[in-house]
Amino acid sequence: MKKFLLAELILSLMVMAAQAAPSFKSRQADLPPDAAAFPDGPNVKVASQNCLACHSADMVLDQPLLPRATWAAEVTKMRNVYKAPISDADAALIVDYLTARHGPN
């Protein structure tokens, strides 16, 4: 008899817990459009492979037109501060790309 009461109590608690559980509804958010890729140019493949792993092309291209020294400092910051795994050779090519495509001419 005690086993029956214990089982009934456990079952009742499980039913009560299921009824008290919150129900979640799926929501959808419309995000602004994002440039999926960098504009074509020399070294775009290297820039895409290294930079788009962490942020969007728009995030980079929304920056003001920056001179080579500033782009070099930004790439260095990504490597040293944020530990982006960019080789020395790729870093130089990325700076070349950013200067050519998004630098003051």
Protein backbone atom coordinates (compact mmCIF):
# COMPACT_ATOMS: atom_id res chain seq x y z
CA MET A 1 0.00 0.00 0.00
CA LYS A 2 2.85 2.42 0.84
CA LYS A 3 4.51 1.70 -2.52
CA PHE A 4 1.25 2.52 -4.30
CA LEU A 5 0.87 5.82 -2.44
CA LEU A 6 4.48 6.77 -3.12
CA ALA A 7 4.13 6.01 -6.84
CA GLU A 8 0.85 7.97 -6.97
CA LEU A 9 2.51 10.92 -5.21
CA ILE A 10 5.44 10.91 -7.63
CA LEU A 11 3.11 10.71 -10.62
CA SER A 12 1.02 13.60 -9.27
CA LEU A 13 4.13 15.73 -8.75
CA MET A 14 5.28 15.00 -12.31
CA VAL A 15 1.91 16.03 -13.73
CA MET A 16 1.91 19.22 -11.66
CA ALA A 17 5.45 20.06 -12.80
CA ALA A 18 4.53 19.52 -16.45
CA GLN A 19 1.48 21.77 -16.12
CA ALA A 20 3.53 24.50 -14.43
CA ALA A 21 6.28 24.44 -17.08
CA PRO A 22 6.36 27.60 -19.19
CA SER A 23 5.56 27.33 -22.85
CA PHE A 24 7.86 29.13 -25.24
CA LYS A 25 6.83 30.45 -28.60
CA SER A 26 9.20 30.70 -31.52
CA ARG A 27 10.03 34.29 -32.47
CA GLN A 28 11.55 35.66 -35.63
CA ALA A 29 13.60 38.81 -35.94
CA ASP A 30 14.31 40.67 -39.15
CA LEU A 31 17.94 41.73 -39.22
CA PRO A 32 19.31 44.42 -41.49
CA PRO A 33 20.90 43.21 -44.70
CA ASP A 34 24.59 42.47 -44.50
CA ALA A 35 27.25 42.40 -47.18
CA ALA A 36 28.06 38.72 -47.36
CA ALA A 37 31.41 39.36 -48.99
CA PHE A 38 34.08 41.94 -49.50
CA PRO A 39 34.14 43.72 -52.86
CA ASP A 40 36.37 42.01 -55.41
CA GLY A 41 39.98 43.05 -55.64
CA PRO A 42 43.52 41.75 -55.22
CA ASN A 43 43.83 39.65 -52.03
CA VAL A 44 40.06 39.57 -51.40
CA LYS A 45 40.22 35.82 -50.83
CA VAL A 46 42.82 36.21 -48.07
CA ALA A 47 40.83 39.01 -46.43
CA SER A 48 37.62 36.98 -46.60
CA GLN A 49 39.19 33.81 -45.20
CA ASN A 50 40.74 35.63 -42.26
CA CYS A 51 38.34 38.45 -41.42
CA LEU A 52 34.87 36.99 -42.02
CA ALA A 53 35.46 34.27 -39.43
CA CYS A 54 34.90 36.87 -36.70
CA HIS A 55 32.87 39.71 -38.17
CA SER A 56 30.93 40.80 -41.22
CA ALA A 57 32.28 42.58 -44.26
CA ASP A 58 29.94 45.45 -43.38
CA MET A 59 31.62 45.87 -40.01
CA VAL A 60 34.90 46.48 -41.78
CA LEU A 61 33.49 48.54 -44.65
CA ASP A 62 31.45 50.76 -42.32
CA GLN A 63 34.75 52.15 -41.01
CA PRO A 64 35.93 55.47 -42.45
CA LEU A 65 38.45 55.40 -45.29
CA LEU A 66 41.69 54.72 -43.44
CA PRO A 67 45.31 55.11 -44.53
CA ARG A 68 47.66 52.13 -44.75
CA ALA A 69 49.24 52.76 -41.32
CA THR A 70 45.84 52.71 -39.63
CA TRP A 71 44.75 49.52 -41.43
CA ALA A 72 48.06 47.93 -40.43
CA ALA A 73 47.44 48.91 -36.81
CA GLU A 74 43.92 47.45 -36.99
CA VAL A 75 45.17 44.13 -38.37
CA THR A 76 47.88 44.05 -35.71
CA LYS A 77 45.24 44.68 -33.04
CA MET A 78 43.12 41.81 -34.37
CA ARG A 79 46.13 39.51 -34.13
CA ASN A 80 47.56 40.65 -30.78
CA VAL A 81 44.52 41.68 -28.76
CA TYR A 82 41.82 39.41 -30.19
CA LYS A 83 44.20 36.55 -31.06
CA ALA A 84 43.06 36.25 -34.69
CA PRO A 85 45.15 33.43 -36.20
CA ILE A 86 46.49 35.50 -39.12
CA SER A 87 49.96 34.75 -40.45
CA ASP A 88 52.47 37.52 -41.11
CA ALA A 89 52.14 36.94 -44.86
CA ASP A 90 48.33 37.09 -44.75
CA ALA A 91 48.40 40.19 -42.53
CA ALA A 92 50.42 42.07 -45.15
CA LEU A 93 48.01 41.00 -47.92
CA ILE A 94 44.99 42.02 -45.83
CA VAL A 95 46.49 45.46 -45.24
CA ASP A 96 47.14 45.76 -48.98
CA TYR A 97 43.52 44.80 -49.73
CA LEU A 98 41.98 47.15 -47.16
CA THR A 99 44.18 50.05 -48.24
CA ALA A 100 43.32 49.52 -51.91
CA ARG A 101 39.57 48.98 -51.39
CA HIS A 102 38.87 51.15 -48.35
CA GLY A 103 41.63 53.69 -48.04
CA PRO A 104 41.83 57.32 -49.07
CA ASN A 105 43.05 57.50 -52.65
